[in-house]
Structures are given as structure tokens and as C-alpha cells.
Amino acid sequence: MPKDLFGLPLWAALAVAILIIFVRGQAYYWLGRGLGSKIYTSRLGRRVGEERLRRVEEIVARRGALAVFAAHWVAGLRHAIPIAAGGTRMPLPRYLAATVLGSIIWTSMVMLGGYALVWGWLEIAARSPLIAAAVGAAVLALIAAYLAYRRRTPAEPPAEDRTPVA
């Protein structure tokens, strides 16, 4: 397994990735702080919807720094929570602590986990291309089965569309 990534030592590539994720979080925080309540009338706010924005703000109000830390692991919230934290004027020291921890832990897990998966699969491919092809086919089959299941399962109707059962 190589000890470098894109010409950088692995530790340096990881440090750069952590820094990128941290800076992204700061940009979102300051975007939210600058927009404040104008987020609701912005193009992004109209596209996302007031109800969703309010729910994200409720999460930040209820969970605070824990929401900022945990948002790193949830794709949509990874962007929305920092904007809401800025918009609701979460104290910067609290936000920074949660973002630093989240950036370090999440980026390390994703980057090093992905690195290990890729190189593990390449190691299998080098020893036995047939087994590597079988593993690849199995992964693709699982993804296809999951997507087929998701398409067959009807989405739950919005709360206001449900009729109470008497």
C-alpha cells in the first residue's frame, strides 16, 4: 500500500482534507450569519422551503454544538446545519469546537476508510482478478437491489394528506 496520496505523504493529504472541510464549515457559518433571516427570501431559501429551514433551525436550537458535530455524517445536513448555526447566531467558540472535532473525525474516517477500501480491492485484484471481479459484481448487485427496493417502496404522504383512521 503506497504511503502517499496525490504526491503528498498520507498524513499531509489528510491534513489538507481536514483543512478543506473545516474551511467549508466556516464559509457556511458566515454565509448564514450574513444572511440571517434573509435566508427565507433568498433564492436558496425559496428553493429549500421555509418549513425545512425552520426544522433545521430547531435542530440547531435544541442540540447546539452536538448538531454541528453530528451534521458531518449526514449529507444534506452537512451543509444546512452550519448555515443555520450562523443564521441563529450560535456562539462562535462553541461552533468552532464542534466543527474542529467533526472535521477531524469525519474526514479521517472517510478518507482513510476509502483509502483502505481502494487499496484492499486493488490488492485482491492483483492476487486474483476473478475474485476482484466477483466482489465488484456483488457490490453492484447490492446497489442495484437497494435502488430497486427504494423505487418500489412508496414514499410516506405528507402529514396533512393523511386521513385519520376511525
Protein backbone atom coordinates (compact mmCIF):
# COMPACT_ATOMS: atom_id res chain seq x y z
CA MET A 1 0.00 0.00 0.00
CA PRO A 2 1.52 3.36 -1.00
CA LYS A 3 2.34 5.81 1.73
CA ASP A 4 1.38 8.85 -0.34
CA LEU A 5 -1.70 10.32 -1.99
CA PHE A 6 -1.52 12.73 -4.93
CA GLY A 7 2.21 13.10 -4.33
CA LEU A 8 1.77 14.10 -0.68
CA PRO A 9 2.59 11.95 2.31
CA LEU A 10 -0.63 10.41 3.60
CA TRP A 11 -0.56 12.50 6.80
CA ALA A 12 -0.18 15.72 4.76
CA ALA A 13 -3.02 14.78 2.38
CA LEU A 14 -5.21 14.06 5.41
CA ALA A 15 -4.29 17.41 6.98
CA VAL A 16 -5.18 19.23 3.74
CA ALA A 17 -8.51 17.38 3.51
CA ILE A 18 -9.36 18.23 7.14
CA LEU A 19 -8.49 21.87 6.50
CA ILE A 20 -10.73 21.96 3.40
CA ILE A 21 -13.69 20.53 5.34
CA PHE A 22 -13.08 22.94 8.22
CA VAL A 23 -12.91 25.97 5.89
CA ARG A 24 -16.09 24.83 4.13
CA GLY A 25 -17.86 24.78 7.50
CA GLN A 26 -16.64 28.30 8.25
CA ALA A 27 -17.85 29.58 4.88
CA TYR A 28 -21.31 28.14 5.52
CA TYR A 29 -21.42 29.57 9.06
CA TRP A 30 -20.52 33.06 7.88
CA LEU A 31 -22.92 32.79 4.95
CA GLY A 32 -25.73 32.02 7.41
CA ARG A 33 -24.59 34.75 9.75
CA GLY A 34 -24.54 37.28 6.91
CA LEU A 35 -27.94 36.27 5.56
CA GLY A 36 -29.69 35.90 8.91
CA SER A 37 -33.45 35.90 8.39
CA LYS A 38 -32.97 36.92 4.74
CA ILE A 39 -32.32 33.22 4.07
CA TYR A 40 -36.09 32.72 3.81
CA THR A 41 -36.42 35.16 0.91
CA SER A 42 -33.20 34.20 -0.86
CA ARG A 43 -33.29 32.00 -3.95
CA LEU A 44 -31.81 29.13 -1.94
CA GLY A 45 -34.35 29.65 0.85
CA ARG A 46 -37.29 29.64 -1.53
CA ARG A 47 -35.95 26.51 -3.20
CA VAL A 48 -35.40 24.63 0.07
CA GLY A 49 -38.64 25.85 1.64
CA GLU A 50 -39.41 27.69 4.84
CA GLU A 51 -40.64 24.58 6.67
CA ARG A 52 -37.37 22.71 6.08
CA LEU A 53 -35.30 25.72 7.07
CA ARG A 54 -37.28 26.07 10.30
CA ARG A 55 -36.77 22.37 11.10
CA VAL A 56 -33.00 22.74 10.66
CA GLU A 57 -33.01 25.82 12.89
CA GLU A 58 -34.95 23.85 15.52
CA ILE A 59 -32.31 21.12 15.43
CA VAL A 60 -29.58 23.72 15.98
CA ALA A 61 -31.56 25.43 18.77
CA ARG A 62 -32.27 22.11 20.51
CA ARG A 63 -28.91 20.34 20.06
CA GLY A 64 -26.44 23.20 19.55
CA ALA A 65 -22.83 22.14 19.09
CA LEU A 66 -23.82 18.46 19.06
CA ALA A 67 -25.90 19.13 15.92
CA VAL A 68 -22.91 20.83 14.27
CA PHE A 69 -20.63 17.91 15.16
CA ALA A 70 -23.13 15.22 14.06
CA ALA A 71 -24.04 17.02 10.82
CA HIS A 72 -20.72 15.93 9.32
CA TRP A 73 -22.16 12.42 8.97
CA VAL A 74 -25.46 13.39 7.27
CA ALA A 75 -25.17 14.53 3.65
CA GLY A 76 -27.89 17.20 3.48
CA LEU A 77 -27.35 18.47 7.00
CA ARG A 78 -23.61 18.75 6.43
CA HIS A 79 -24.35 21.99 4.58
CA ALA A 80 -27.61 23.14 6.19
CA ILE A 81 -26.64 22.95 9.87
CA PRO A 82 -23.63 25.32 9.62
CA ILE A 83 -25.76 27.85 7.70
CA ALA A 84 -28.48 27.61 10.35
CA ALA A 85 -25.88 27.88 13.12
CA GLY A 86 -24.65 31.12 11.61
CA GLY A 87 -28.18 32.37 10.99
CA THR A 88 -29.21 31.71 14.58
CA ARG A 89 -26.01 33.35 15.86
CA MET A 90 -24.60 30.27 17.60
CA PRO A 91 -21.63 31.47 19.70
CA LEU A 92 -18.51 31.16 17.54
CA PRO A 93 -16.30 29.38 20.14
CA ARG A 94 -18.91 26.64 20.55
CA TYR A 95 -19.34 26.36 16.78
CA LEU A 96 -15.57 26.23 16.20
CA ALA A 97 -15.05 23.46 18.76
CA ALA A 98 -17.77 21.31 17.20
CA THR A 99 -16.52 21.97 13.67
CA VAL A 100 -12.90 21.20 14.50
CA LEU A 101 -13.82 17.88 16.12
CA GLY A 102 -16.30 16.95 13.39
CA SER A 103 -13.87 17.86 10.61
CA ILE A 104 -11.02 15.85 12.11
CA ILE A 105 -13.01 12.73 12.95
CA TRP A 106 -15.28 12.62 9.88
CA THR A 107 -12.56 13.42 7.34
CA SER A 108 -10.16 10.91 8.88
CA MET A 109 -12.76 8.14 8.84
CA VAL A 110 -13.93 8.81 5.28
CA MET A 111 -10.52 9.42 3.76
CA LEU A 112 -8.61 6.65 5.47
CA GLY A 113 -11.53 4.22 5.17
CA GLY A 114 -11.84 4.92 1.46
CA TYR A 115 -8.07 4.66 1.05
CA ALA A 116 -8.08 1.26 2.75
CA LEU A 117 -11.05 0.03 0.68
CA VAL A 118 -9.48 1.05 -2.63
CA TRP A 119 -6.07 -0.41 -1.83
CA GLY A 120 -7.63 -3.54 -0.34
CA TRP A 121 -9.62 -4.09 -3.50
CA LEU A 122 -6.51 -3.45 -5.65
CA GLU A 123 -4.60 -5.98 -3.54
CA ILE A 124 -7.33 -8.56 -4.18
CA ALA A 125 -7.30 -7.68 -7.90
CA ALA A 126 -3.54 -8.17 -8.08
CA ARG A 127 -3.76 -11.61 -6.49
CA SER A 128 -6.91 -12.81 -8.22
CA PRO A 129 -8.67 -10.76 -10.88
CA LEU A 130 -11.54 -13.26 -10.86
CA ILE A 131 -12.24 -12.72 -7.15
CA ALA A 132 -11.93 -8.94 -7.61
CA ALA A 133 -14.48 -9.08 -10.44
CA ALA A 134 -16.81 -11.18 -8.28
CA VAL A 135 -16.51 -8.70 -5.39
CA GLY A 136 -17.17 -5.79 -7.76
CA ALA A 137 -20.20 -7.58 -9.26
CA ALA A 138 -21.55 -8.35 -5.78
CA VAL A 139 -21.25 -4.70 -4.74
CA LEU A 140 -23.00 -3.55 -7.92
CA ALA A 141 -25.76 -6.14 -7.37
CA LEU A 142 -26.31 -4.89 -3.81
CA ILE A 143 -26.53 -1.30 -5.01
CA ALA A 144 -28.99 -2.25 -7.77
CA ALA A 145 -31.14 -4.24 -5.30
CA TYR A 146 -31.19 -1.32 -2.89
CA LEU A 147 -32.19 1.14 -5.62
CA ALA A 148 -34.92 -1.23 -6.89
CA TYR A 149 -36.25 -1.60 -3.33
CA ARG A 150 -36.31 2.19 -2.86
CA ARG A 151 -38.25 2.68 -6.09
CA ARG A 152 -40.86 0.07 -5.18
CA THR A 153 -41.41 1.38 -1.65
CA PRO A 154 -43.96 4.23 -1.79
CA ALA A 155 -42.98 7.46 -0.11
CA GLU A 156 -44.96 8.35 3.01
CA PRO A 157 -47.50 11.08 2.22
CA PRO A 158 -47.11 14.45 3.95
CA ALA A 159 -48.77 14.71 7.36
CA GLU A 160 -51.58 16.98 6.14
CA ASP A 161 -52.55 14.46 3.41
CA ARG A 162 -53.09 11.58 5.84
CA THR A 163 -56.66 10.72 6.74
CA PRO A 164 -57.17 9.68 10.35
CA VAL A 165 -58.39 6.13 10.80
CA ALA A 166 -61.59 6.00 12.88
